[in-house]
C-alpha atoms as a PDB file:
ATOM      1  CA  UNK A   1     -31.393 -13.395   1.849  1.00  0.00           C
ATOM      2  CA  UNK A   2     -29.469 -11.360   4.408  1.00  0.00           C
ATOM      3  CA  UNK A   3     -25.709 -11.231   4.690  1.00  0.00           C
ATOM      4  CA  UNK A   4     -24.432 -11.335   8.255  1.00  0.00           C
ATOM      5  CA  UNK A   5     -20.899 -10.865   9.576  1.00  0.00           C
ATOM      6  CA  UNK A   6     -19.761 -12.906  12.544  1.00  0.00           C
ATOM      7  CA  UNK A   7     -16.494 -13.229  14.382  1.00  0.00           C
ATOM      8  CA  UNK A   8     -15.466  -9.616  13.782  1.00  0.00           C
ATOM      9  CA  UNK A   9     -12.259  -8.357  15.339  1.00  0.00           C
ATOM     10  CA  UNK A  10      -9.869  -5.504  14.592  1.00  0.00           C
ATOM     11  CA  UNK A  11      -7.366  -7.564  12.656  1.00  0.00           C
ATOM     12  CA  UNK A  12     -10.033  -8.435  10.105  1.00  0.00           C
ATOM     13  CA  UNK A  13      -9.971  -4.851   8.889  1.00  0.00           C
ATOM     14  CA  UNK A  14      -7.155  -6.056   6.700  1.00  0.00           C
ATOM     15  CA  UNK A  15      -9.769  -7.897   4.683  1.00  0.00           C
ATOM     16  CA  UNK A  16     -11.810  -4.835   3.733  1.00  0.00           C
ATOM     17  CA  UNK A  17      -8.916  -3.166   1.973  1.00  0.00           C
ATOM     18  CA  UNK A  18      -9.746  -1.394  -1.258  1.00  0.00           C
ATOM     19  CA  UNK A  19      -8.865  -3.239  -4.424  1.00  0.00           C
ATOM     20  CA  UNK A  20      -6.365  -0.478  -5.075  1.00  0.00           C
ATOM     21  CA  UNK A  21      -4.254  -2.085  -2.356  1.00  0.00           C
ATOM     22  CA  UNK A  22      -2.621  -5.337  -3.324  1.00  0.00           C
ATOM     23  CA  UNK A  23      -0.975  -7.298  -0.536  1.00  0.00           C
ATOM     24  CA  UNK A  24       1.884  -9.458  -1.718  1.00  0.00           C
ATOM     25  CA  UNK A  25       2.728 -12.316   0.620  1.00  0.00           C
ATOM     26  CA  UNK A  26       5.783 -14.427  -0.196  1.00  0.00           C
ATOM     27  CA  UNK A  27       5.282 -17.726   1.543  1.00  0.00           C
ATOM     28  CA  UNK A  28       8.142 -19.853   0.249  1.00  0.00           C
ATOM     29  CA  UNK A  29      10.044 -17.606  -2.134  1.00  0.00           C
ATOM     30  CA  UNK A  30      12.543 -14.929  -1.168  1.00  0.00           C
ATOM     31  CA  UNK A  31      10.830 -12.258   0.862  1.00  0.00           C
ATOM     32  CA  UNK A  32      10.526  -8.809  -0.646  1.00  0.00           C
ATOM     33  CA  UNK A  33      11.443  -5.954   1.620  1.00  0.00           C
ATOM     34  CA  UNK A  34      10.729  -2.323   0.873  1.00  0.00           C
ATOM     35  CA  UNK A  35      12.419  -1.313  -2.349  1.00  0.00           C
ATOM     36  CA  UNK A  36      15.314   0.553  -0.740  1.00  0.00           C
ATOM     37  CA  UNK A  37      14.689   4.257  -0.575  1.00  0.00           C
ATOM     38  CA  UNK A  38      12.738   4.327  -3.811  1.00  0.00           C
ATOM     39  CA  UNK A  39       9.051   5.129  -3.377  1.00  0.00           C
ATOM     40  CA  UNK A  40       7.525   3.604  -6.479  1.00  0.00           C
ATOM     41  CA  UNK A  41       4.043   4.820  -5.609  1.00  0.00           C
ATOM     42  CA  UNK A  42       4.524   8.603  -5.547  1.00  0.00           C
ATOM     43  CA  UNK A  43       4.595  10.078  -9.014  1.00  0.00           C
ATOM     44  CA  UNK A  44       2.458  10.941 -12.019  1.00  0.00           C
ATOM     45  CA  UNK A  45       1.234   9.542 -15.305  1.00  0.00           C
ATOM     46  CA  UNK A  46       3.219  10.503 -18.405  1.00  0.00           C
ATOM     47  CA  UNK A  47       2.368   9.990 -22.057  1.00  0.00           C
ATOM     48  CA  UNK A  48       4.579   7.333 -23.647  1.00  0.00           C
ATOM     49  CA  UNK A  49       4.337   6.354 -27.323  1.00  0.00           C
ATOM     50  CA  UNK A  50       5.920   2.974 -26.585  1.00  0.00           C
ATOM     51  CA  UNK A  51       2.773   1.905 -24.732  1.00  0.00           C
ATOM     52  CA  UNK A  52       0.689  -0.244 -24.502  1.00  0.00           C
ATOM     53  CA  UNK A  53       2.760  -3.277 -23.619  1.00  0.00           C
ATOM     54  CA  UNK A  54       0.532  -5.610 -25.638  1.00  0.00           C
ATOM     55  CA  UNK A  55      -2.439  -5.859 -27.968  1.00  0.00           C
ATOM     56  CA  UNK A  56      -5.232  -7.331 -25.866  1.00  0.00           C
ATOM     57  CA  UNK A  57      -7.006  -8.740 -28.926  1.00  0.00           C
ATOM     58  CA  UNK A  58      -4.039 -11.097 -29.406  1.00  0.00           C
ATOM     59  CA  UNK A  59      -3.982 -12.314 -25.812  1.00  0.00           C
ATOM     60  CA  UNK A  60      -5.879 -15.595 -25.321  1.00  0.00           C
ATOM     61  CA  UNK A  61      -6.875 -14.974 -21.696  1.00  0.00           C
ATOM     62  CA  UNK A  62      -8.629 -11.584 -21.677  1.00  0.00           C
ATOM     63  CA  UNK A  63     -12.297 -11.513 -20.703  1.00  0.00           C
ATOM     64  CA  UNK A  64     -14.603  -9.740 -23.133  1.00  0.00           C
ATOM     65  CA  UNK A  65     -15.597  -7.227 -20.459  1.00  0.00           C
ATOM     66  CA  UNK A  66     -11.985  -5.934 -20.329  1.00  0.00           C
ATOM     67  CA  UNK A  67     -11.596  -5.661 -24.119  1.00  0.00           C
ATOM     68  CA  UNK A  68     -12.505  -2.004 -24.380  1.00  0.00           C
ATOM     69  CA  UNK A  69     -11.118  -1.314 -27.867  1.00  0.00           C
ATOM     70  CA  UNK A  70     -12.668  -4.410 -29.493  1.00  0.00           C
ATOM     71  CA  UNK A  71     -15.904  -3.504 -27.700  1.00  0.00           C
ATOM     72  CA  UNK A  72     -15.974  -0.189 -29.522  1.00  0.00           C
ATOM     73  CA  UNK A  73     -14.049   2.325 -27.419  1.00  0.00           C
ATOM     74  CA  UNK A  74     -13.052   5.006 -29.964  1.00  0.00           C
ATOM     75  CA  UNK A  75     -10.279   6.835 -28.059  1.00  0.00           C
ATOM     76  CA  UNK A  76      -6.847   5.233 -27.736  1.00  0.00           C
ATOM     77  CA  UNK A  77      -4.790   7.718 -25.712  1.00  0.00           C
ATOM     78  CA  UNK A  78      -5.675   5.987 -22.438  1.00  0.00           C
ATOM     79  CA  UNK A  79      -3.445   3.118 -23.611  1.00  0.00           C
ATOM     80  CA  UNK A  80      -0.394   5.387 -23.818  1.00  0.00           C
ATOM     81  CA  UNK A  81       0.171   6.401 -20.215  1.00  0.00           C
ATOM     82  CA  UNK A  82       3.080   5.130 -18.139  1.00  0.00           C
ATOM     83  CA  UNK A  83       3.486   5.577 -14.390  1.00  0.00           C
ATOM     84  CA  UNK A  84       6.583   7.622 -13.547  1.00  0.00           C
ATOM     85  CA  UNK A  85       7.752   7.672  -9.887  1.00  0.00           C
ATOM     86  CA  UNK A  86       8.853  11.120  -8.745  1.00  0.00           C
ATOM     87  CA  UNK A  87      12.089  10.307  -6.974  1.00  0.00           C
ATOM     88  CA  UNK A  88      13.534   7.305  -8.757  1.00  0.00           C
ATOM     89  CA  UNK A  89      13.509   5.189 -11.890  1.00  0.00           C
ATOM     90  CA  UNK A  90      11.240   2.158 -12.008  1.00  0.00           C
ATOM     91  CA  UNK A  91      12.772  -0.640 -14.096  1.00  0.00           C
ATOM     92  CA  UNK A  92      10.679  -1.463 -17.136  1.00  0.00           C
ATOM     93  CA  UNK A  93       8.928  -4.804 -17.056  1.00  0.00           C
ATOM     94  CA  UNK A  94      11.172  -7.510 -18.504  1.00  0.00           C
ATOM     95  CA  UNK A  95       9.146 -10.667 -19.073  1.00  0.00           C
ATOM     96  CA  UNK A  96      12.167 -12.893 -19.686  1.00  0.00           C
ATOM     97  CA  UNK A  97      13.883 -11.703 -16.513  1.00  0.00           C
ATOM     98  CA  UNK A  98      10.618 -12.127 -14.603  1.00  0.00           C
ATOM     99  CA  UNK A  99      10.300 -15.735 -15.740  1.00  0.00           C
ATOM    100  CA  UNK A 100      13.911 -16.484 -14.896  1.00  0.00           C
ATOM    101  CA  UNK A 101      13.494 -15.080 -11.390  1.00  0.00           C
ATOM    102  CA  UNK A 102      10.423 -17.253 -10.809  1.00  0.00           C
ATOM    103  CA  UNK A 103      11.543 -20.411 -12.602  1.00  0.00           C
ATOM    104  CA  UNK A 104      10.022 -23.441 -10.906  1.00  0.00           C
ATOM    105  CA  UNK A 105       7.673 -21.323  -8.810  1.00  0.00           C
ATOM    106  CA  UNK A 106       3.983 -20.514  -8.556  1.00  0.00           C
ATOM    107  CA  UNK A 107       2.407 -17.065  -8.229  1.00  0.00           C
ATOM    108  CA  UNK A 108      -1.229 -16.926  -7.154  1.00  0.00           C
ATOM    109  CA  UNK A 109      -3.679 -14.019  -7.333  1.00  0.00           C
ATOM    110  CA  UNK A 110      -6.388 -14.428  -4.696  1.00  0.00           C
ATOM    111  CA  UNK A 111      -9.516 -12.305  -4.555  1.00  0.00           C
ATOM    112  CA  UNK A 112     -12.402 -11.075  -6.639  1.00  0.00           C
ATOM    113  CA  UNK A 113     -12.694 -10.008 -10.280  1.00  0.00           C
ATOM    114  CA  UNK A 114     -10.068  -7.302  -9.785  1.00  0.00           C
ATOM    115  CA  UNK A 115      -7.600 -10.092  -9.034  1.00  0.00           C
ATOM    116  CA  UNK A 116      -8.731 -11.690 -12.270  1.00  0.00           C
ATOM    117  CA  UNK A 117      -8.169  -8.335 -14.002  1.00  0.00           C
ATOM    118  CA  UNK A 118      -4.569  -8.272 -12.772  1.00  0.00           C
ATOM    119  CA  UNK A 119      -3.924 -11.966 -13.406  1.00  0.00           C
ATOM    120  CA  UNK A 120      -5.060 -11.611 -17.019  1.00  0.00           C
ATOM    121  CA  UNK A 121      -2.848  -8.546 -17.379  1.00  0.00           C
ATOM    122  CA  UNK A 122       0.285 -10.397 -16.256  1.00  0.00           C
ATOM    123  CA  UNK A 123      -0.367 -13.382 -18.513  1.00  0.00           C
ATOM    124  CA  UNK A 124      -0.781 -11.000 -21.456  1.00  0.00           C
ATOM    125  CA  UNK A 125       2.384  -9.057 -20.621  1.00  0.00           C
ATOM    126  CA  UNK A 126       4.412 -12.269 -20.656  1.00  0.00           C
ATOM    127  CA  UNK A 127       2.688 -13.700 -23.724  1.00  0.00           C
ATOM    128  CA  UNK A 128       3.258 -10.521 -25.734  1.00  0.00           C
ATOM    129  CA  UNK A 129       6.932 -10.261 -24.806  1.00  0.00           C
ATOM    130  CA  UNK A 130       7.636 -13.952 -25.476  1.00  0.00           C
ATOM    131  CA  UNK A 131       4.935 -14.943 -28.005  1.00  0.00           C
ATOM    132  CA  UNK A 132       6.525 -18.304 -28.805  1.00  0.00           C
ATOM    133  CA  UNK A 133       6.732 -19.404 -25.186  1.00  0.00           C
ATOM    134  CA  UNK A 134       4.904 -22.670 -24.657  1.00  0.00           C
ATOM    135  CA  UNK A 135       2.127 -22.746 -22.111  1.00  0.00           C
ATOM    136  CA  UNK A 136      -0.573 -24.991 -20.731  1.00  0.00           C
ATOM    137  CA  UNK A 137      -3.645 -24.284 -18.666  1.00  0.00           C
ATOM    138  CA  UNK A 138      -6.452 -25.876 -16.752  1.00  0.00           C
ATOM    139  CA  UNK A 139      -9.231 -25.130 -14.274  1.00  0.00           C
ATOM    140  CA  UNK A 140      -9.341 -26.839 -10.906  1.00  0.00           C
ATOM    141  CA  UNK A 141     -12.301 -25.972  -8.664  1.00  0.00           C
ATOM    142  CA  UNK A 142     -12.052 -22.191  -8.103  1.00  0.00           C
ATOM    143  CA  UNK A 143      -8.507 -21.843  -9.447  1.00  0.00           C
ATOM    144  CA  UNK A 144      -7.287 -21.203 -12.988  1.00  0.00           C
ATOM    145  CA  UNK A 145      -3.752 -22.382 -13.798  1.00  0.00           C
ATOM    146  CA  UNK A 146      -1.505 -21.100 -16.578  1.00  0.00           C
ATOM    147  CA  UNK A 147       1.956 -22.610 -16.760  1.00  0.00           C
ATOM    148  CA  UNK A 148       4.703 -21.262 -19.013  1.00  0.00           C
ATOM    149  CA  UNK A 149       6.235 -24.673 -19.495  1.00  0.00           C
ATOM    150  CA  UNK A 150       9.659 -23.635 -20.843  1.00  0.00           C
ATOM    151  CA  UNK A 151      10.325 -21.935 -17.511  1.00  0.00           C
ATOM    152  CA  UNK A 152       7.962 -23.935 -15.281  1.00  0.00           C
ATOM    153  CA  UNK A 153       6.413 -20.714 -13.991  1.00  0.00           C
ATOM    154  CA  UNK A 154       2.753 -20.970 -13.010  1.00  0.00           C
ATOM    155  CA  UNK A 155       0.358 -18.041 -12.730  1.00  0.00           C
ATOM    156  CA  UNK A 156      -2.799 -18.910 -10.820  1.00  0.00           C
ATOM    157  CA  UNK A 157      -6.037 -17.073 -10.165  1.00  0.00           C
ATOM    158  CA  UNK A 158      -7.997 -18.267  -7.137  1.00  0.00           C
ATOM    159  CA  UNK A 159     -11.468 -16.732  -6.987  1.00  0.00           C
ATOM    160  CA  UNK A 160     -12.232 -15.976  -3.361  1.00  0.00           C
ATOM    161  CA  UNK A 161     -14.184 -12.740  -3.140  1.00  0.00           C
ATOM    162  CA  UNK A 162     -14.184 -12.277   0.647  1.00  0.00           C
ATOM    163  CA  UNK A 163     -11.048 -14.301   1.455  1.00  0.00           C
ATOM    164  CA  UNK A 164     -12.836 -15.507   4.599  1.00  0.00           C
ATOM    165  CA  UNK A 165     -15.565 -18.161   4.794  1.00  0.00           C
ATOM    166  CA  UNK A 166     -19.081 -17.534   3.517  1.00  0.00           C
ATOM    167  CA  UNK A 167     -21.597 -20.155   4.665  1.00  0.00           C
ATOM    168  CA  UNK A 168     -25.359 -20.649   4.667  1.00  0.00           C
ATOM    169  CA  UNK A 169     -27.018 -20.847   8.063  1.00  0.00           C
ATOM    170  CA  UNK A 170     -30.776 -20.774   8.658  1.00  0.00           C
ATOM    171  CA  UNK A 171     -31.508 -19.293   5.202  1.00  0.00           C
ATOM    172  CA  UNK A 172     -28.946 -16.557   5.731  1.00  0.00           C
ATOM    173  CA  UNK A 173     -25.527 -15.996   4.208  1.00  0.00           C
ATOM    174  CA  UNK A 174     -23.003 -15.620   7.008  1.00  0.00           C
ATOM    175  CA  UNK A 175     -19.482 -14.242   6.707  1.00  0.00           C
ATOM    176  CA  UNK A 176     -17.217 -15.895   9.268  1.00  0.00           C
ATOM    177  CA  UNK A 177     -14.477 -13.335   9.653  1.00  0.00           C
ATOM    178  CA  UNK A 178     -12.327 -15.528  11.868  1.00  0.00           C
ATOM    179  CA  UNK A 179     -12.217 -18.650   9.664  1.00  0.00           C
ATOM    180  CA  UNK A 180     -10.533 -19.365   6.332  1.00  0.00           C
ATOM    181  CA  UNK A 181     -11.199 -22.974   5.408  1.00  0.00           C
ATOM    182  CA  UNK A 182      -9.959 -22.527   1.827  1.00  0.00           C
ATOM    183  CA  UNK A 183      -6.563 -21.106   2.751  1.00  0.00           C
ATOM    184  CA  UNK A 184      -4.610 -24.353   2.472  1.00  0.00           C
ATOM    185  CA  UNK A 185      -4.307 -23.903  -1.299  1.00  0.00           C
ATOM    186  CA  UNK A 186      -2.390 -20.668  -0.670  1.00  0.00           C
ATOM    187  CA  UNK A 187       0.318 -22.594   1.170  1.00  0.00           C
ATOM    188  CA  UNK A 188       1.136 -24.565  -1.959  1.00  0.00           C
ATOM    189  CA  UNK A 189       2.499 -21.572  -3.899  1.00  0.00           C
ATOM    190  CA  UNK A 190       5.556 -19.336  -3.637  1.00  0.00           C
ATOM    191  CA  UNK A 191       3.982 -15.884  -3.881  1.00  0.00           C
ATOM    192  CA  UNK A 192       0.428 -14.827  -3.107  1.00  0.00           C
ATOM    193  CA  UNK A 193      -1.159 -11.516  -4.095  1.00  0.00           C
ATOM    194  CA  UNK A 194      -4.359 -10.823  -2.161  1.00  0.00           C
ATOM    195  CA  UNK A 195      -7.020  -8.235  -2.710  1.00  0.00           C
ATOM    196  CA  UNK A 196     -10.664  -7.770  -1.836  1.00  0.00           C
ATOM    197  CA  UNK A 197     -13.003  -4.803  -2.014  1.00  0.00           C
ATOM    198  CA  UNK A 198     -16.004  -4.914  -4.322  1.00  0.00           C
ATOM    199  CA  UNK A 199     -17.934  -7.438  -2.312  1.00  0.00           C
ATOM    200  CA  UNK A 200     -17.463  -5.559   0.938  1.00  0.00           C
ATOM    201  CA  UNK A 201     -18.423  -2.068  -0.167  1.00  0.00           C
ATOM    202  CA  UNK A 202     -20.531  -2.038  -3.325  1.00  0.00           C
ATOM    203  CA  UNK A 203     -24.207  -2.909  -3.306  1.00  0.00           C
ATOM    204  CA  UNK A 204     -25.811  -4.083  -6.496  1.00  0.00           C
ATOM    205  CA  UNK A 205     -23.734  -2.176  -9.058  1.00  0.00           C
ATOM    206  CA  UNK A 206     -20.310  -1.978 -10.621  1.00  0.00           C
ATOM    207  CA  UNK A 207     -20.529   1.798 -10.519  1.00  0.00           C
ATOM    208  CA  UNK A 208     -17.628   3.141  -8.531  1.00  0.00           C
ATOM    209  CA  UNK A 209     -17.945   6.768  -9.557  1.00  0.00           C
ATOM    210  CA  UNK A 210     -18.888  10.005  -7.792  1.00  0.00           C
ATOM    211  CA  UNK A 211     -15.329  10.070  -6.510  1.00  0.00           C
ATOM    212  CA  UNK A 212     -13.263  12.146  -8.888  1.00  0.00           C
ATOM    213  CA  UNK A 213     -13.336  15.560  -7.278  1.00  0.00           C
ATOM    214  CA  UNK A 214     -16.754  16.839  -8.285  1.00  0.00           C
ATOM    215  CA  UNK A 215     -20.293  15.703  -7.345  1.00  0.00           C
ATOM    216  CA  UNK A 216     -22.033  13.506  -9.879  1.00  0.00           C
ATOM    217  CA  UNK A 217     -18.829  12.690 -11.774  1.00  0.00           C
ATOM    218  CA  UNK A 218     -18.268   9.152 -12.997  1.00  0.00           C
ATOM    219  CA  UNK A 219     -15.812   7.458 -15.324  1.00  0.00           C
ATOM    220  CA  UNK A 220     -17.842   7.719 -18.543  1.00  0.00           C
ATOM    221  CA  UNK A 221     -16.448   9.829 -21.394  1.00  0.00           C
ATOM    222  CA  UNK A 222     -13.096  10.503 -19.722  1.00  0.00           C
ATOM    223  CA  UNK A 223     -10.137  10.091 -22.067  1.00  0.00           C
ATOM    224  CA  UNK A 224      -7.178  11.266 -19.939  1.00  0.00           C
ATOM    225  CA  UNK A 225      -5.908  10.777 -16.386  1.00  0.00           C
ATOM    226  CA  UNK A 226      -6.208  13.301 -13.598  1.00  0.00           C
ATOM    227  CA  UNK A 227      -2.895  15.104 -13.936  1.00  0.00           C
ATOM    228  CA  UNK A 228      -0.517  15.696 -11.057  1.00  0.00           C
ATOM    229  CA  UNK A 229       0.675  13.673  -8.107  1.00  0.00           C
ATOM    230  CA  UNK A 230      -2.217  14.226  -5.695  1.00  0.00           C
ATOM    231  CA  UNK A 231      -5.696  12.783  -5.960  1.00  0.00           C
ATOM    232  CA  UNK A 232      -8.251  15.568  -5.385  1.00  0.00           C
ATOM    233  CA  UNK A 233     -10.962  13.475  -3.722  1.00  0.00           C
ATOM    234  CA  UNK A 234     -11.445  12.081  -0.249  1.00  0.00           C
ATOM    235  CA  UNK A 235      -9.180   9.298   1.085  1.00  0.00           C
ATOM    236  CA  UNK A 236     -10.354   5.707   1.082  1.00  0.00           C
ATOM    237  CA  UNK A 237     -11.482   4.600   4.563  1.00  0.00           C
ATOM    238  CA  UNK A 238      -9.246   2.125   6.271  1.00  0.00           C
ATOM    239  CA  UNK A 239      -6.000   2.963   4.475  1.00  0.00           C
ATOM    240  CA  UNK A 240      -4.129   3.868   7.649  1.00  0.00           C
ATOM    241  CA  UNK A 241      -5.573   0.837   9.440  1.00  0.00           C
ATOM    242  CA  UNK A 242      -4.389  -1.507   6.709  1.00  0.00           C
ATOM    243  CA  UNK A 243      -0.856  -0.163   6.877  1.00  0.00           C
ATOM    244  CA  UNK A 244      -0.861  -0.419  10.652  1.00  0.00           C
ATOM    245  CA  UNK A 245      -2.084  -4.016  10.611  1.00  0.00           C
ATOM    246  CA  UNK A 246       0.480  -5.030   8.007  1.00  0.00           C
ATOM    247  CA  UNK A 247       3.292  -3.467  10.021  1.00  0.00           C
ATOM    248  CA  UNK A 248       2.417  -5.701  12.976  1.00  0.00           C
ATOM    249  CA  UNK A 249       2.157  -8.984  11.113  1.00  0.00           C
ATOM    250  CA  UNK A 250       4.685 -11.666  11.994  1.00  0.00           C
ATOM    251  CA  UNK A 251       4.628 -13.046   8.426  1.00  0.00           C
ATOM    252  CA  UNK A 252       6.405 -10.654   6.076  1.00  0.00           C
ATOM    253  CA  UNK A 253       4.220  -8.956   3.503  1.00  0.00           C
ATOM    254  CA  UNK A 254       4.828  -6.198   0.998  1.00  0.00           C
ATOM    255  CA  UNK A 255       2.135  -3.619   0.270  1.00  0.00           C
ATOM    256  CA  UNK A 256       1.857  -2.616  -3.371  1.00  0.00           C
ATOM    257  CA  UNK A 257       0.515   0.808  -2.496  1.00  0.00           C
ATOM    258  CA  UNK A 258      -1.170   1.614  -5.800  1.00  0.00           C
ATOM    259  CA  UNK A 259      -4.174   3.512  -4.455  1.00  0.00           C
ATOM    260  CA  UNK A 260      -3.292   7.012  -5.602  1.00  0.00           C
ATOM    261  CA  UNK A 261      -1.915   6.098  -9.003  1.00  0.00           C
ATOM    262  CA  UNK A 262      -5.029   4.045  -9.765  1.00  0.00           C
ATOM    263  CA  UNK A 263      -7.495   6.685  -8.602  1.00  0.00           C
ATOM    264  CA  UNK A 264      -5.843   9.181 -10.936  1.00  0.00           C
ATOM    265  CA  UNK A 265      -6.851   6.988 -13.890  1.00  0.00           C
ATOM    266  CA  UNK A 266     -10.485   7.957 -14.275  1.00  0.00           C
ATOM    267  CA  UNK A 267     -10.041   7.222 -17.979  1.00  0.00           C
ATOM    268  CA  UNK A 268      -8.950   3.611 -17.506  1.00  0.00           C
ATOM    269  CA  UNK A 269     -12.271   1.929 -16.720  1.00  0.00           C
ATOM    270  CA  UNK A 270     -14.403   0.061 -19.261  1.00  0.00           C
ATOM    271  CA  UNK A 271     -17.510   2.157 -18.570  1.00  0.00           C
ATOM    272  CA  UNK A 272     -19.966   1.410 -21.402  1.00  0.00           C
ATOM    273  CA  UNK A 273     -17.302  -0.529 -23.317  1.00  0.00           C
ATOM    274  CA  UNK A 274     -17.452  -3.498 -20.974  1.00  0.00           C
ATOM    275  CA  UNK A 275     -19.734  -4.989 -23.612  1.00  0.00           C
ATOM    276  CA  UNK A 276     -20.187  -4.678 -27.355  1.00  0.00           C
ATOM    277  CA  UNK A 277     -23.723  -3.424 -26.923  1.00  0.00           C
ATOM    278  CA  UNK A 278     -22.588  -0.304 -25.120  1.00  0.00           C
ATOM    279  CA  UNK A 279     -25.127  -0.799 -22.331  1.00  0.00           C
ATOM    280  CA  UNK A 280     -22.641  -1.550 -19.547  1.00  0.00           C
ATOM    281  CA  UNK A 281     -21.623   0.916 -16.848  1.00  0.00           C
ATOM    282  CA  UNK A 282     -18.449  -0.446 -15.288  1.00  0.00           C
ATOM    283  CA  UNK A 283     -16.342   2.026 -13.299  1.00  0.00           C
ATOM    284  CA  UNK A 284     -14.861  -0.673 -11.099  1.00  0.00           C
ATOM    285  CA  UNK A 285     -12.772  -2.860 -13.381  1.00  0.00           C
ATOM    286  CA  UNK A 286     -10.053  -1.815 -15.821  1.00  0.00           C
ATOM    287  CA  UNK A 287      -9.552  -1.980 -19.564  1.00  0.00           C
ATOM    288  CA  UNK A 288      -6.802  -4.274 -20.814  1.00  0.00           C
ATOM    289  CA  UNK A 289      -4.282  -3.233 -21.826  1.00  0.00           C
ATOM    290  CA  UNK A 290      -4.310  -0.612 -19.088  1.00  0.00           C
ATOM    291  CA  UNK A 291      -3.792   0.226 -15.443  1.00  0.00           C
ATOM    292  CA  UNK A 292      -3.345  -3.368 -14.139  1.00  0.00           C
ATOM    293  CA  UNK A 293      -0.244  -3.588 -16.337  1.00  0.00           C
ATOM    294  CA  UNK A 294       1.269  -0.895 -14.125  1.00  0.00           C
ATOM    295  CA  UNK A 295       0.371  -2.873 -10.987  1.00  0.00           C
ATOM    296  CA  UNK A 296       2.294  -5.831 -12.391  1.00  0.00           C
ATOM    297  CA  UNK A 297       5.172  -3.633 -13.549  1.00  0.00           C
ATOM    298  CA  UNK A 298       5.492  -2.282 -10.014  1.00  0.00           C
ATOM    299  CA  UNK A 299       5.336  -5.804  -8.619  1.00  0.00           C
ATOM    300  CA  UNK A 300       8.289  -6.640 -10.874  1.00  0.00           C
ATOM    301  CA  UNK A 301      10.083  -3.390  -9.999  1.00  0.00           C
ATOM    302  CA  UNK A 302       9.729  -4.049  -6.273  1.00  0.00           C
ATOM    303  CA  UNK A 303      11.378  -7.435  -6.735  1.00  0.00           C
ATOM    304  CA  UNK A 304      14.258  -6.039  -8.796  1.00  0.00           C
ATOM    305  CA  UNK A 305      14.919  -3.068  -6.544  1.00  0.00           C
ATOM    306  CA  UNK A 306      14.762  -5.072  -3.333  1.00  0.00           C
ATOM    307  CA  UNK A 307      17.370  -7.494  -4.614  1.00  0.00           C
ATOM    308  CA  UNK A 308      19.687  -4.686  -5.722  1.00  0.00           C
ATOM    309  CA  UNK A 309      19.345  -2.634  -2.518  1.00  0.00           C
END
């Protein structure tokens, strides 16, 4: 069955952003401005013995496909890398402070399985730091709810792979770029983190390789990041367009510009360890613990730094 796109216009380019770009939209909570003069997204990965931030095997929300160590991954160094901005200090993730800042509020991750990857990461980071914190959870249609009841902070994952409407018309699947009939649920929360990518660009495979500086290279068998501050491969199409569109939006958004730091982590994907059988080949998602923990740490850092600027 064919997939058609209708209602295309320039503004919709925002919706084909790579999953390395996470757009944070504060709807009801305090708006986050740029984090002063601190560029959290230029830097390098450094080895840190204090990492990882949690043991994924003890986190109740991690999908099996992200459990790389339990699935048989033999190397452990990939768990030990911390993102270090070049020109400033990024505050370390403080789960208790995070919960206090968002007491009585809801944070929703909207998008595809990469959103799920990040949502699971944040729940694990909080659970590991405050293991005795009470929580409850439930599933409602396409949304998973986890509420840390002592603080009344809810973390939600809303599965919406294209963000826009996908309907069936005359035996065809049609993407309606100019309609979002499911967006009302986003208005009910205080912070929304959008992303979408896989379903726009990939065709029939989770393989996201051939993009690490040399032809034929993929993520398998890599045990360390690409060192340095500059990614050696080609830029992701649409990056400049996304930034331009965001700069013109009337509703304030904050771009968590994690493209470069994520692309440097060739070692962070599940690859064959997305399953216990070792037959998987996943260079799109991320092991947990792992790179999504840094995305959430930078989310937290952007909040802290913006309030202290």
